[in-house]
Amino acid sequence: EGRVNGCVEAIVAAAHTGKIGDGKIFVTSVEKVVR
């Protein structure tokens, strides 16, 4: 959870073109992870 803002900022900075269709970012909770 603590890394979400940095992750979102990095994606926005790298994916931004300023033109329509640049995309969207969704952040959701994950209840369980199993390797």
All heavy atoms as atom14 arrays in JSON, in Angstrom:
{
  "sequence": "EGRVNGCVEAIVAAAHTGKIGDGKIFVTSVEKVVR",
  "atom14_mask": [
    [1, 1, 1, 1, 1, 1, 1, 1, 1, 0, 0, 0, 0, 0],
    [1, 1, 1, 1, 0, 0, 0, 0, 0, 0, 0, 0, 0, 0],
    [1, 1, 1, 1, 1, 1, 1, 1, 1, 1, 1, 0, 0, 0],
    [1, 1, 1, 1, 1, 1, 1, 0, 0, 0, 0, 0, 0, 0],
    [1, 1, 1, 1, 1, 1, 1, 1, 0, 0, 0, 0, 0, 0],
    [1, 1, 1, 1, 0, 0, 0, 0, 0, 0, 0, 0, 0, 0],
    [1, 1, 1, 1, 1, 1, 0, 0, 0, 0, 0, 0, 0, 0],
    [1, 1, 1, 1, 1, 1, 1, 0, 0, 0, 0, 0, 0, 0],
    [1, 1, 1, 1, 1, 1, 1, 1, 1, 0, 0, 0, 0, 0],
    [1, 1, 1, 1, 1, 0, 0, 0, 0, 0, 0, 0, 0, 0],
    [1, 1, 1, 1, 1, 1, 1, 1, 0, 0, 0, 0, 0, 0],
    [1, 1, 1, 1, 1, 1, 1, 0, 0, 0, 0, 0, 0, 0],
    [1, 1, 1, 1, 1, 0, 0, 0, 0, 0, 0, 0, 0, 0],
    [1, 1, 1, 1, 1, 0, 0, 0, 0, 0, 0, 0, 0, 0],
    [1, 1, 1, 1, 1, 0, 0, 0, 0, 0, 0, 0, 0, 0],
    [1, 1, 1, 1, 1, 1, 1, 1, 1, 1, 0, 0, 0, 0],
    [1, 1, 1, 1, 1, 1, 1, 0, 0, 0, 0, 0, 0, 0],
    [1, 1, 1, 1, 0, 0, 0, 0, 0, 0, 0, 0, 0, 0],
    [1, 1, 1, 1, 1, 1, 1, 1, 1, 0, 0, 0, 0, 0],
    [1, 1, 1, 1, 1, 1, 1, 1, 0, 0, 0, 0, 0, 0],
    [1, 1, 1, 1, 0, 0, 0, 0, 0, 0, 0, 0, 0, 0],
    [1, 1, 1, 1, 1, 1, 1, 1, 0, 0, 0, 0, 0, 0],
    [1, 1, 1, 1, 0, 0, 0, 0, 0, 0, 0, 0, 0, 0],
    [1, 1, 1, 1, 1, 1, 1, 1, 1, 0, 0, 0, 0, 0],
    [1, 1, 1, 1, 1, 1, 1, 1, 0, 0, 0, 0, 0, 0],
    [1, 1, 1, 1, 1, 1, 1, 1, 1, 1, 1, 0, 0, 0],
    [1, 1, 1, 1, 1, 1, 1, 0, 0, 0, 0, 0, 0, 0],
    [1, 1, 1, 1, 1, 1, 1, 0, 0, 0, 0, 0, 0, 0],
    [1, 1, 1, 1, 1, 1, 0, 0, 0, 0, 0, 0, 0, 0],
    [1, 1, 1, 1, 1, 1, 1, 0, 0, 0, 0, 0, 0, 0],
    [1, 1, 1, 1, 1, 1, 1, 1, 1, 0, 0, 0, 0, 0],
    [1, 1, 1, 1, 1, 1, 1, 1, 1, 0, 0, 0, 0, 0],
    [1, 1, 1, 1, 1, 1, 1, 0, 0, 0, 0, 0, 0, 0],
    [1, 1, 1, 1, 1, 1, 1, 0, 0, 0, 0, 0, 0, 0],
    [1, 1, 1, 1, 1, 1, 1, 1, 1, 1, 1, 0, 0, 0]
  ],
  "atom14_positions": [
    [[0.81, -1.21, 0.0], [0.0, 0.0, 0.0], [0.85, 1.27, 0.0], [0.49, 2.27, -0.63], [-0.94, 0.0, 1.21], [-2.34, 0.37, 0.84], [-3.32, 0.13, 1.97], [-3.53, -1.04, 2.33], [-3.84, 1.13, 2.46], [0.0, 0.0, 0.0], [0.0, 0.0, 0.0], [0.0, 0.0, 0.0], [0.0, 0.0, 0.0], [0.0, 0.0, 0.0]],
    [[1.97, 1.25, 0.67], [2.81, 2.43, 0.77], [3.51, 2.82, -0.51], [4.04, 3.93, -0.63], [0.0, 0.0, 0.0], [0.0, 0.0, 0.0], [0.0, 0.0, 0.0], [0.0, 0.0, 0.0], [0.0, 0.0, 0.0], [0.0, 0.0, 0.0], [0.0, 0.0, 0.0], [0.0, 0.0, 0.0], [0.0, 0.0, 0.0], [0.0, 0.0, 0.0]],
    [[3.53, 1.94, -1.48], [4.23, 2.21, -2.75], [3.27, 2.64, -3.86], [3.72, 2.91, -4.97], [4.98, 0.97, -3.18], [5.98, 0.52, -2.11], [6.82, -0.6, -2.56], [7.81, -0.05, -3.49], [8.58, -0.8, -4.25], [8.5, -2.09, -4.21], [9.45, -0.24, -5.06], [0.0, 0.0, 0.0], [0.0, 0.0, 0.0], [0.0, 0.0, 0.0]],
    [[1.98, 2.72, -3.57], [0.99, 3.0, -4.61], [1.2, 4.36, -5.26], [1.2, 4.48, -6.49], [-0.45, 2.87, -4.06], [-1.47, 3.39, -5.06], [-0.75, 1.42, -3.72], [0.0, 0.0, 0.0], [0.0, 0.0, 0.0], [0.0, 0.0, 0.0], [0.0, 0.0, 0.0], [0.0, 0.0, 0.0], [0.0, 0.0, 0.0], [0.0, 0.0, 0.0]],
    [[1.37, 5.4, -4.46], [1.51, 6.75, -5.03], [2.72, 6.86, -5.95], [2.63, 7.43, -7.03], [1.57, 7.8, -3.93], [0.25, 7.99, -3.24], [-0.81, 7.7, -3.81], [0.28, 8.47, -2.02], [0.0, 0.0, 0.0], [0.0, 0.0, 0.0], [0.0, 0.0, 0.0], [0.0, 0.0, 0.0], [0.0, 0.0, 0.0], [0.0, 0.0, 0.0]],
    [[3.84, 6.3, -5.55], [5.03, 6.32, -6.39], [4.83, 5.56, -7.68], [5.27, 5.99, -8.75], [0.0, 0.0, 0.0], [0.0, 0.0, 0.0], [0.0, 0.0, 0.0], [0.0, 0.0, 0.0], [0.0, 0.0, 0.0], [0.0, 0.0, 0.0], [0.0, 0.0, 0.0], [0.0, 0.0, 0.0], [0.0, 0.0, 0.0], [0.0, 0.0, 0.0]],
    [[4.14, 4.43, -7.59], [3.85, 3.62, -8.77], [2.96, 4.39, -9.74], [3.24, 4.46, -10.94], [3.18, 2.31, -8.33], [2.68, 1.24, -9.68], [0.0, 0.0, 0.0], [0.0, 0.0, 0.0], [0.0, 0.0, 0.0], [0.0, 0.0, 0.0], [0.0, 0.0, 0.0], [0.0, 0.0, 0.0], [0.0, 0.0, 0.0], [0.0, 0.0, 0.0]],
    [[1.9, 4.98, -9.22], [0.96, 5.73, -10.07], [1.67, 6.91, -10.72], [1.52, 7.16, -11.92], [-0.27, 6.18, -9.27], [-1.1, 7.18, -10.05], [-1.12, 4.97, -8.89], [0.0, 0.0, 0.0], [0.0, 0.0, 0.0], [0.0, 0.0, 0.0], [0.0, 0.0, 0.0], [0.0, 0.0, 0.0], [0.0, 0.0, 0.0], [0.0, 0.0, 0.0]],
    [[2.47, 7.63, -9.94], [3.2, 8.79, -10.48], [4.16, 8.37, -11.58], [4.3, 9.05, -12.6], [3.94, 9.51, -9.36], [3.03, 10.25, -8.42], [3.75, 10.76, -7.17], [5.0, 10.66, -7.09], [3.05, 11.26, -6.27], [0.0, 0.0, 0.0], [0.0, 0.0, 0.0], [0.0, 0.0, 0.0], [0.0, 0.0, 0.0], [0.0, 0.0, 0.0]],
    [[4.84, 7.24, -11.4], [5.79, 6.75, -12.41], [5.06, 6.38, -13.7], [5.53, 6.7, -14.8], [6.57, 5.55, -11.87], [0.0, 0.0, 0.0], [0.0, 0.0, 0.0], [0.0, 0.0, 0.0], [0.0, 0.0, 0.0], [0.0, 0.0, 0.0], [0.0, 0.0, 0.0], [0.0, 0.0, 0.0], [0.0, 0.0, 0.0], [0.0, 0.0, 0.0]],
    [[3.92, 5.73, -13.58], [3.15, 5.34, -14.77], [2.65, 6.58, -15.51], [2.76, 6.69, -16.73], [1.98, 4.41, -14.4], [2.51, 3.07, -13.9], [1.06, 4.19, -15.6], [1.46, 2.17, -13.27], [0.0, 0.0, 0.0], [0.0, 0.0, 0.0], [0.0, 0.0, 0.0], [0.0, 0.0, 0.0], [0.0, 0.0, 0.0], [0.0, 0.0, 0.0]],
    [[2.1, 7.53, -14.76], [1.58, 8.76, -15.38], [2.7, 9.49, -16.12], [2.54, 9.91, -17.28], [0.92, 9.68, -14.34], [0.65, 11.06, -14.91], [-0.37, 9.07, -13.83], [0.0, 0.0, 0.0], [0.0, 0.0, 0.0], [0.0, 0.0, 0.0], [0.0, 0.0, 0.0], [0.0, 0.0, 0.0], [0.0, 0.0, 0.0], [0.0, 0.0, 0.0]],
    [[3.85, 9.65, -15.49], [4.97, 10.36, -16.11], [5.45, 9.66, -17.37], [5.75, 10.3, -18.37], [6.11, 10.52, -15.11], [0.0, 0.0, 0.0], [0.0, 0.0, 0.0], [0.0, 0.0, 0.0], [0.0, 0.0, 0.0], [0.0, 0.0, 0.0], [0.0, 0.0, 0.0], [0.0, 0.0, 0.0], [0.0, 0.0, 0.0], [0.0, 0.0, 0.0]],
    [[5.5, 8.33, -17.34], [6.04, 7.58, -18.48], [5.03, 7.4, -19.61], [5.42, 7.33, -20.78], [6.53, 6.21, -18.02], [0.0, 0.0, 0.0], [0.0, 0.0, 0.0], [0.0, 0.0, 0.0], [0.0, 0.0, 0.0], [0.0, 0.0, 0.0], [0.0, 0.0, 0.0], [0.0, 0.0, 0.0], [0.0, 0.0, 0.0], [0.0, 0.0, 0.0]],
    [[3.75, 7.34, -19.29], [2.73, 7.06, -20.31], [2.11, 8.32, -20.91], [1.4, 8.25, -21.91], [1.63, 6.17, -19.73], [0.0, 0.0, 0.0], [0.0, 0.0, 0.0], [0.0, 0.0, 0.0], [0.0, 0.0, 0.0], [0.0, 0.0, 0.0], [0.0, 0.0, 0.0], [0.0, 0.0, 0.0], [0.0, 0.0, 0.0], [0.0, 0.0, 0.0]],
    [[2.36, 9.47, -20.31], [1.72, 10.71, -20.74], [2.23, 11.19, -22.1], [3.43, 11.27, -22.33], [2.0, 11.8, -19.69], [1.38, 13.11, -20.03], [2.08, 14.09, -20.67], [0.14, 13.59, -19.83], [1.29, 15.13, -20.85], [0.11, 14.85, -20.34], [0.0, 0.0, 0.0], [0.0, 0.0, 0.0], [0.0, 0.0, 0.0], [0.0, 0.0, 0.0]],
    [[1.3, 11.48, -23.01], [1.64, 12.1, -24.29], [0.93, 13.44, -24.44], [1.29, 14.24, -25.29], [1.24, 11.22, -25.5], [-0.18, 11.13, -25.57], [1.87, 9.85, -25.42], [0.0, 0.0, 0.0], [0.0, 0.0, 0.0], [0.0, 0.0, 0.0], [0.0, 0.0, 0.0], [0.0, 0.0, 0.0], [0.0, 0.0, 0.0], [0.0, 0.0, 0.0]],
    [[-0.1, 13.64, -23.63], [-0.88, 14.86, -23.73], [-1.99, 14.8, -24.76], [-2.71, 15.77, -24.97], [0.0, 0.0, 0.0], [0.0, 0.0, 0.0], [0.0, 0.0, 0.0], [0.0, 0.0, 0.0], [0.0, 0.0, 0.0], [0.0, 0.0, 0.0], [0.0, 0.0, 0.0], [0.0, 0.0, 0.0], [0.0, 0.0, 0.0], [0.0, 0.0, 0.0]],
    [[-2.12, 13.65, -25.39], [-3.15, 13.49, -26.41], [-4.26, 12.58, -25.9], [-4.07, 11.79, -24.98], [-2.53, 12.9, -27.68], [-1.51, 13.84, -28.28], [-1.04, 13.36, -29.62], [-0.18, 14.46, -30.21], [1.06, 14.04, -30.72], [0.0, 0.0, 0.0], [0.0, 0.0, 0.0], [0.0, 0.0, 0.0], [0.0, 0.0, 0.0], [0.0, 0.0, 0.0]],
    [[-5.41, 12.67, -26.52], [-6.54, 11.84, -26.13], [-6.16, 10.36, -26.29], [-5.42, 10.0, -27.2], [-7.79, 12.21, -26.96], [-9.04, 11.63, -26.33], [-7.64, 11.79, -28.39], [-10.32, 12.24, -26.85], [0.0, 0.0, 0.0], [0.0, 0.0, 0.0], [0.0, 0.0, 0.0], [0.0, 0.0, 0.0], [0.0, 0.0, 0.0], [0.0, 0.0, 0.0]],
    [[-6.61, 9.54, -25.36], [-6.32, 8.11, -25.43], [-5.1, 7.69, -24.66], [-4.63, 6.56, -24.81], [0.0, 0.0, 0.0], [0.0, 0.0, 0.0], [0.0, 0.0, 0.0], [0.0, 0.0, 0.0], [0.0, 0.0, 0.0], [0.0, 0.0, 0.0], [0.0, 0.0, 0.0], [0.0, 0.0, 0.0], [0.0, 0.0, 0.0], [0.0, 0.0, 0.0]],
    [[-4.55, 8.57, -23.81], [-3.37, 8.21, -23.02], [-3.65, 7.06, -22.06], [-2.76, 6.31, -21.73], [-2.87, 9.41, -22.22], [-1.88, 10.26, -22.99], [-1.5, 9.87, -24.11], [-1.48, 11.3, -22.47], [0.0, 0.0, 0.0], [0.0, 0.0, 0.0], [0.0, 0.0, 0.0], [0.0, 0.0, 0.0], [0.0, 0.0, 0.0], [0.0, 0.0, 0.0]],
    [[-4.9, 6.91, -21.62], [-5.25, 5.76, -20.79], [-5.78, 6.13, -19.42], [-6.06, 7.29, -19.13], [0.0, 0.0, 0.0], [0.0, 0.0, 0.0], [0.0, 0.0, 0.0], [0.0, 0.0, 0.0], [0.0, 0.0, 0.0], [0.0, 0.0, 0.0], [0.0, 0.0, 0.0], [0.0, 0.0, 0.0], [0.0, 0.0, 0.0], [0.0, 0.0, 0.0]],
    [[-5.88, 5.11, -18.59], [-6.41, 5.26, -17.24], [-5.64, 4.34, -16.3], [-5.04, 3.36, -16.71], [-7.88, 4.86, -17.19], [-8.8, 5.79, -17.93], [-10.04, 6.02, -17.12], [-11.0, 7.03, -17.65], [-10.97, 7.42, -19.0], [0.0, 0.0, 0.0], [0.0, 0.0, 0.0], [0.0, 0.0, 0.0], [0.0, 0.0, 0.0], [0.0, 0.0, 0.0]],
    [[-5.71, 4.68, -15.0], [-5.11, 3.85, -13.96], [-6.19, 3.55, -12.92], [-6.91, 4.46, -12.51], [-3.91, 4.55, -13.29], [-2.83, 4.83, -14.33], [-3.37, 3.71, -12.14], [-1.67, 5.65, -13.81], [0.0, 0.0, 0.0], [0.0, 0.0, 0.0], [0.0, 0.0, 0.0], [0.0, 0.0, 0.0], [0.0, 0.0, 0.0], [0.0, 0.0, 0.0]],
    [[-6.28, 2.29, -12.53], [-7.23, 1.85, -11.51], [-6.45, 1.23, -10.36], [-5.54, 0.43, -10.58], [-8.21, 0.81, -12.08], [-8.89, 1.26, -13.34], [-8.42, 0.89, -14.58], [-10.03, 2.05, -13.27], [-9.05, 1.31, -15.75], [-10.67, 2.47, -14.43], [-10.18, 2.1, -15.66], [0.0, 0.0, 0.0], [0.0, 0.0, 0.0], [0.0, 0.0, 0.0]],
    [[-6.82, 1.57, -9.13], [-6.18, 1.0, -7.95], [-7.26, 0.3, -7.13], [-8.27, 0.91, -6.78], [-5.49, 2.09, -7.1], [-4.85, 1.47, -5.86], [-4.46, 2.85, -7.93], [0.0, 0.0, 0.0], [0.0, 0.0, 0.0], [0.0, 0.0, 0.0], [0.0, 0.0, 0.0], [0.0, 0.0, 0.0], [0.0, 0.0, 0.0], [0.0, 0.0, 0.0]],
    [[-7.05, -0.99, -6.87], [-8.02, -1.77, -6.11], [-7.29, -2.53, -4.99], [-6.09, -2.74, -5.04], [-8.76, -2.79, -7.01], [-7.8, -3.61, -7.67], [-9.62, -2.09, -8.05], [0.0, 0.0, 0.0], [0.0, 0.0, 0.0], [0.0, 0.0, 0.0], [0.0, 0.0, 0.0], [0.0, 0.0, 0.0], [0.0, 0.0, 0.0], [0.0, 0.0, 0.0]],
    [[-8.06, -2.96, -4.0], [-7.5, -3.74, -2.9], [-7.36, -5.2, -3.3], [-8.17, -5.73, -4.05], [-8.42, -3.65, -1.68], [-8.42, -2.34, -1.18], [0.0, 0.0, 0.0], [0.0, 0.0, 0.0], [0.0, 0.0, 0.0], [0.0, 0.0, 0.0], [0.0, 0.0, 0.0], [0.0, 0.0, 0.0], [0.0, 0.0, 0.0], [0.0, 0.0, 0.0]],
    [[-6.33, -5.83, -2.76], [-6.09, -7.26, -2.98], [-6.21, -7.94, -1.62], [-5.52, -7.58, -0.68], [-4.7, -7.51, -3.59], [-4.4, -9.0, -3.68], [-4.59, -6.85, -4.95], [0.0, 0.0, 0.0], [0.0, 0.0, 0.0], [0.0, 0.0, 0.0], [0.0, 0.0, 0.0], [0.0, 0.0, 0.0], [0.0, 0.0, 0.0], [0.0, 0.0, 0.0]],
    [[-7.09, -8.92, -1.53], [-7.33, -9.6, -0.26], [-6.33, -10.7, 0.04], [-5.96, -10.91, 1.18], [-8.75, -10.17, -0.24], [-9.81, -9.1, -0.23], [-11.2, -9.69, -0.15], [-11.35, -10.8, 0.4], [-12.12, -9.04, -0.66], [0.0, 0.0, 0.0], [0.0, 0.0, 0.0], [0.0, 0.0, 0.0], [0.0, 0.0, 0.0], [0.0, 0.0, 0.0]],
    [[-5.9, -11.41, -0.99], [-5.02, -12.56, -0.75], [-4.13, -12.77, -1.95], [-4.54, -12.62, -3.08], [-5.86, -13.8, -0.49], [-5.06, -15.02, -0.08], [-6.01, -16.12, 0.37], [-5.43, -17.01, 1.39], [-4.98, -16.44, 2.63], [0.0, 0.0, 0.0], [0.0, 0.0, 0.0], [0.0, 0.0, 0.0], [0.0, 0.0, 0.0], [0.0, 0.0, 0.0]],
    [[-2.87, -13.15, -1.67], [-1.91, -13.52, -2.71], [-1.29, -14.84, -2.3], [-0.92, -15.01, -1.13], [-0.82, -12.45, -2.88], [0.21, -12.89, -3.9], [-1.42, -11.11, -3.26], [0.0, 0.0, 0.0], [0.0, 0.0, 0.0], [0.0, 0.0, 0.0], [0.0, 0.0, 0.0], [0.0, 0.0, 0.0], [0.0, 0.0, 0.0], [0.0, 0.0, 0.0]],
    [[-1.16, -15.76, -3.23], [-0.52, -17.05, -2.97], [0.5, -17.3, -4.07], [0.16, -17.24, -5.25], [-1.54, -18.21, -2.95], [-0.84, -19.54, -2.73], [-2.62, -17.97, -1.93], [0.0, 0.0, 0.0], [0.0, 0.0, 0.0], [0.0, 0.0, 0.0], [0.0, 0.0, 0.0], [0.0, 0.0, 0.0], [0.0, 0.0, 0.0], [0.0, 0.0, 0.0]],
    [[1.75, -17.57, -3.69], [2.76, -17.97, -4.67], [2.6, -19.47, -4.84], [2.8, -20.25, -3.9], [4.17, -17.63, -4.18], [5.23, -17.94, -5.23], [6.63, -17.66, -4.71], [6.78, -16.35, -4.11], [7.2, -15.25, -4.74], [7.51, -15.32, -6.01], [7.32, -14.11, -4.09], [0.0, 0.0, 0.0], [0.0, 0.0, 0.0], [0.0, 0.0, 0.0]]
  ]
}
